[in-house]
Amino acid sequence: MGFTDILYLILWAGLAIYMFFSAHKISPILYIAGVFFTFMFAWYLINGLIPENLMDGVPGLVFKIICGCFLAVFFLFYYLNKRKNKS
């Protein structure tokens, strides 16, 4: 595991912790972001610990699909929350 991998692990873990602790103050939408960053942390941790590269081939495609789904769900909840607060 290289320096960049460790840096990404610290980044994803820090963002996940921040989102979970600030969600009750700012918005419950941040719980979804916290779950996403926890997923990113776990994926990069597993990618660094096993000899296979999880960013290539079918696992990479699965990773991109999961990231896209998280992004779509996050924006859907964000839009619905903004719409609710506007009226």
N, C-alpha and C. Protein backbone atom coordinates (compact mmCIF):
# COMPACT_ATOMS: atom_id res chain seq x y z
N MET A 1 0.86 -1.17 0.00
CA MET A 1 0.00 0.00 0.00
C MET A 1 0.90 1.23 0.00
N GLY A 2 0.71 2.09 -0.98
CA GLY A 2 1.54 3.27 -1.13
C GLY A 2 1.03 4.45 -0.33
N PHE A 3 1.77 5.53 -0.44
CA PHE A 3 1.43 6.75 0.28
C PHE A 3 0.09 7.31 -0.18
N THR A 4 -0.16 7.27 -1.48
CA THR A 4 -1.41 7.80 -2.01
C THR A 4 -2.61 6.99 -1.52
N ASP A 5 -2.45 5.68 -1.45
CA ASP A 5 -3.54 4.84 -0.94
C ASP A 5 -3.88 5.18 0.51
N ILE A 6 -2.85 5.37 1.30
CA ILE A 6 -3.06 5.74 2.71
C ILE A 6 -3.70 7.12 2.82
N LEU A 7 -3.29 8.03 1.95
CA LEU A 7 -3.87 9.37 1.93
C LEU A 7 -5.36 9.32 1.60
N TYR A 8 -5.72 8.48 0.61
CA TYR A 8 -7.13 8.32 0.26
C TYR A 8 -7.92 7.70 1.42
N LEU A 9 -7.34 6.75 2.10
CA LEU A 9 -8.02 6.14 3.25
C LEU A 9 -8.31 7.17 4.33
N ILE A 10 -7.32 8.00 4.61
CA ILE A 10 -7.51 9.06 5.61
C ILE A 10 -8.58 10.05 5.15
N LEU A 11 -8.56 10.40 3.87
CA LEU A 11 -9.54 11.33 3.32
C LEU A 11 -10.95 10.78 3.44
N TRP A 12 -11.17 9.54 2.99
CA TRP A 12 -12.53 8.97 3.03
C TRP A 12 -13.01 8.77 4.45
N ALA A 13 -12.12 8.31 5.34
CA ALA A 13 -12.52 8.11 6.73
C ALA A 13 -12.85 9.44 7.40
N GLY A 14 -12.03 10.44 7.15
CA GLY A 14 -12.28 11.76 7.74
C GLY A 14 -13.58 12.37 7.26
N LEU A 15 -13.84 12.26 5.96
CA LEU A 15 -15.10 12.79 5.43
C LEU A 15 -16.31 12.04 5.98
N ALA A 16 -16.20 10.72 6.10
CA ALA A 16 -17.32 9.93 6.64
C ALA A 16 -17.61 10.33 8.08
N ILE A 17 -16.58 10.44 8.88
CA ILE A 17 -16.78 10.82 10.29
C ILE A 17 -17.38 12.21 10.38
N TYR A 18 -16.86 13.14 9.58
CA TYR A 18 -17.39 14.51 9.59
C TYR A 18 -18.86 14.53 9.19
N MET A 19 -19.23 13.79 8.16
CA MET A 19 -20.62 13.78 7.70
C MET A 19 -21.55 13.20 8.76
N PHE A 20 -21.14 12.12 9.41
CA PHE A 20 -22.00 11.51 10.42
C PHE A 20 -22.18 12.44 11.63
N PHE A 21 -21.12 13.12 12.04
CA PHE A 21 -21.23 13.99 13.22
C PHE A 21 -21.91 15.31 12.92
N SER A 22 -21.84 15.79 11.69
CA SER A 22 -22.47 17.07 11.39
C SER A 22 -23.86 16.92 10.79
N ALA A 23 -24.31 15.70 10.54
CA ALA A 23 -25.61 15.50 9.90
C ALA A 23 -26.76 15.97 10.78
N HIS A 24 -26.67 15.75 12.08
CA HIS A 24 -27.78 16.15 12.94
C HIS A 24 -27.89 17.66 13.07
N LYS A 25 -26.78 18.39 12.85
CA LYS A 25 -26.81 19.85 12.92
C LYS A 25 -27.23 20.48 11.59
N ILE A 26 -26.69 19.97 10.51
CA ILE A 26 -26.87 20.62 9.21
C ILE A 26 -28.09 20.07 8.47
N SER A 27 -28.04 18.79 8.14
CA SER A 27 -29.13 18.18 7.37
C SER A 27 -29.01 16.65 7.43
N PRO A 28 -30.13 15.97 7.52
CA PRO A 28 -30.08 14.50 7.52
C PRO A 28 -29.57 13.92 6.20
N ILE A 29 -29.52 14.72 5.15
CA ILE A 29 -28.99 14.26 3.87
C ILE A 29 -27.53 13.85 4.01
N LEU A 30 -26.84 14.44 4.95
CA LEU A 30 -25.43 14.13 5.12
C LEU A 30 -25.20 12.71 5.62
N TYR A 31 -26.23 12.06 6.16
CA TYR A 31 -26.09 10.65 6.51
C TYR A 31 -25.84 9.81 5.25
N ILE A 32 -26.52 10.16 4.16
CA ILE A 32 -26.31 9.45 2.90
C ILE A 32 -24.88 9.67 2.42
N ALA A 33 -24.40 10.90 2.52
CA ALA A 33 -23.02 11.19 2.14
C ALA A 33 -22.05 10.44 3.04
N GLY A 34 -22.37 10.33 4.31
CA GLY A 34 -21.53 9.58 5.24
C GLY A 34 -21.45 8.11 4.89
N VAL A 35 -22.57 7.53 4.49
CA VAL A 35 -22.58 6.13 4.06
C VAL A 35 -21.74 5.97 2.79
N PHE A 36 -21.86 6.94 1.88
CA PHE A 36 -21.07 6.89 0.65
C PHE A 36 -19.57 6.94 0.96
N PHE A 37 -19.16 7.85 1.82
CA PHE A 37 -17.74 7.96 2.15
C PHE A 37 -17.24 6.75 2.94
N THR A 38 -18.12 6.13 3.72
CA THR A 38 -17.76 4.88 4.39
C THR A 38 -17.55 3.77 3.37
N PHE A 39 -18.41 3.72 2.37
CA PHE A 39 -18.24 2.76 1.28
C PHE A 39 -16.91 3.01 0.55
N MET A 40 -16.61 4.27 0.26
CA MET A 40 -15.35 4.59 -0.42
C MET A 40 -14.15 4.17 0.43
N PHE A 41 -14.23 4.41 1.73
CA PHE A 41 -13.16 4.00 2.64
C PHE A 41 -12.97 2.48 2.60
N ALA A 42 -14.06 1.74 2.69
CA ALA A 42 -13.97 0.28 2.69
C ALA A 42 -13.43 -0.23 1.36
N TRP A 43 -13.87 0.35 0.25
CA TRP A 43 -13.42 -0.10 -1.07
C TRP A 43 -11.92 0.13 -1.23
N TYR A 44 -11.46 1.32 -0.86
CA TYR A 44 -10.03 1.62 -0.99
C TYR A 44 -9.20 0.80 -0.02
N LEU A 45 -9.74 0.50 1.16
CA LEU A 45 -9.01 -0.34 2.11
C LEU A 45 -8.86 -1.76 1.56
N ILE A 46 -9.95 -2.31 1.06
CA ILE A 46 -9.88 -3.66 0.48
C ILE A 46 -8.97 -3.66 -0.74
N ASN A 47 -9.05 -2.62 -1.56
CA ASN A 47 -8.21 -2.52 -2.75
C ASN A 47 -6.73 -2.48 -2.38
N GLY A 48 -6.40 -1.86 -1.27
CA GLY A 48 -5.01 -1.78 -0.84
C GLY A 48 -4.50 -3.04 -0.18
N LEU A 49 -5.41 -3.85 0.37
CA LEU A 49 -4.99 -5.03 1.12
C LEU A 49 -4.89 -6.30 0.28
N ILE A 50 -5.64 -6.38 -0.80
CA ILE A 50 -5.58 -7.59 -1.62
C ILE A 50 -4.72 -7.33 -2.85
N PRO A 51 -4.17 -8.38 -3.43
CA PRO A 51 -3.27 -8.18 -4.58
C PRO A 51 -3.99 -7.78 -5.87
N GLU A 52 -5.27 -8.10 -6.02
CA GLU A 52 -6.02 -7.71 -7.21
C GLU A 52 -6.33 -6.22 -7.18
N ASN A 53 -6.45 -5.63 -8.35
CA ASN A 53 -6.84 -4.22 -8.45
C ASN A 53 -8.36 -4.16 -8.63
N LEU A 54 -9.04 -3.60 -7.67
CA LEU A 54 -10.50 -3.53 -7.72
C LEU A 54 -11.01 -2.37 -8.56
N MET A 55 -10.12 -1.61 -9.15
CA MET A 55 -10.54 -0.49 -9.99
C MET A 55 -10.57 -0.88 -11.47
N ASP A 56 -10.16 -2.10 -11.81
CA ASP A 56 -10.14 -2.57 -13.19
C ASP A 56 -11.18 -3.65 -13.40
N GLY A 57 -11.62 -3.80 -14.63
CA GLY A 57 -12.51 -4.89 -15.01
C GLY A 57 -13.89 -4.79 -14.39
N VAL A 58 -14.46 -5.94 -14.09
CA VAL A 58 -15.82 -6.01 -13.55
C VAL A 58 -15.93 -5.34 -12.17
N PRO A 59 -14.97 -5.56 -11.25
CA PRO A 59 -15.09 -4.85 -9.97
C PRO A 59 -15.06 -3.33 -10.13
N GLY A 60 -14.28 -2.83 -11.08
CA GLY A 60 -14.26 -1.39 -11.33
C GLY A 60 -15.59 -0.89 -11.86
N LEU A 61 -16.23 -1.69 -12.72
CA LEU A 61 -17.54 -1.33 -13.23
C LEU A 61 -18.59 -1.32 -12.12
N VAL A 62 -18.53 -2.32 -11.25
CA VAL A 62 -19.44 -2.38 -10.11
C VAL A 62 -19.24 -1.16 -9.21
N PHE A 63 -17.98 -0.80 -8.98
CA PHE A 63 -17.65 0.38 -8.17
C PHE A 63 -18.26 1.64 -8.77
N LYS A 64 -18.13 1.81 -10.08
CA LYS A 64 -18.67 3.00 -10.74
C LYS A 64 -20.19 3.03 -10.71
N ILE A 65 -20.82 1.88 -10.85
CA ILE A 65 -22.28 1.82 -10.79
C ILE A 65 -22.78 2.17 -9.39
N ILE A 66 -22.12 1.62 -8.37
CA ILE A 66 -22.51 1.92 -6.99
C ILE A 66 -22.31 3.41 -6.70
N CYS A 67 -21.20 3.98 -7.15
CA CYS A 67 -20.97 5.42 -6.95
C CYS A 67 -22.03 6.26 -7.65
N GLY A 68 -22.41 5.86 -8.86
CA GLY A 68 -23.46 6.57 -9.58
C GLY A 68 -24.80 6.49 -8.89
N CYS A 69 -25.11 5.33 -8.34
CA CYS A 69 -26.38 5.17 -7.61
C CYS A 69 -26.40 6.03 -6.35
N PHE A 70 -25.28 6.04 -5.60
CA PHE A 70 -25.20 6.90 -4.42
C PHE A 70 -25.38 8.36 -4.81
N LEU A 71 -24.74 8.76 -5.89
CA LEU A 71 -24.83 10.15 -6.34
C LEU A 71 -26.26 10.50 -6.73
N ALA A 72 -26.93 9.61 -7.45
CA ALA A 72 -28.31 9.86 -7.85
C ALA A 72 -29.24 9.96 -6.64
N VAL A 73 -29.08 9.05 -5.69
CA VAL A 73 -29.92 9.07 -4.48
C VAL A 73 -29.65 10.34 -3.68
N PHE A 74 -28.38 10.72 -3.55
CA PHE A 74 -28.05 11.93 -2.81
C PHE A 74 -28.69 13.16 -3.44
N PHE A 75 -28.57 13.30 -4.76
CA PHE A 75 -29.16 14.46 -5.42
C PHE A 75 -30.68 14.44 -5.37
N LEU A 76 -31.28 13.25 -5.41
CA LEU A 76 -32.73 13.16 -5.29
C LEU A 76 -33.19 13.66 -3.91
N PHE A 77 -32.53 13.19 -2.85
CA PHE A 77 -32.88 13.65 -1.51
C PHE A 77 -32.58 15.13 -1.33
N TYR A 78 -31.49 15.60 -1.92
CA TYR A 78 -31.15 17.03 -1.84
C TYR A 78 -32.23 17.87 -2.52
N TYR A 79 -32.65 17.46 -3.70
CA TYR A 79 -33.68 18.19 -4.44
C TYR A 79 -35.00 18.19 -3.67
N LEU A 80 -35.39 17.03 -3.14
CA LEU A 80 -36.65 16.96 -2.39
C LEU A 80 -36.59 17.80 -1.11
N ASN A 81 -35.44 17.82 -0.46
CA ASN A 81 -35.28 18.63 0.75
C ASN A 81 -35.35 20.12 0.43
N LYS A 82 -34.70 20.54 -0.64
CA LYS A 82 -34.75 21.95 -1.04
C LYS A 82 -36.16 22.35 -1.43
N ARG A 83 -36.84 21.46 -2.13
CA ARG A 83 -38.21 21.73 -2.56
C ARG A 83 -39.14 21.86 -1.37
N LYS A 84 -38.94 21.00 -0.36
CA LYS A 84 -39.77 21.02 0.85
C LYS A 84 -39.53 22.31 1.63
N ASN A 85 -38.28 22.72 1.74
CA ASN A 85 -37.95 23.92 2.51
C ASN A 85 -38.35 25.19 1.80
N LYS A 86 -38.49 25.13 0.46
CA LYS A 86 -38.86 26.31 -0.30
C LYS A 86 -40.31 26.69 -0.11
N SER A 87 -41.18 25.69 0.05
CA SER A 87 -42.60 25.97 0.18
C SER A 87 -43.05 26.18 1.60
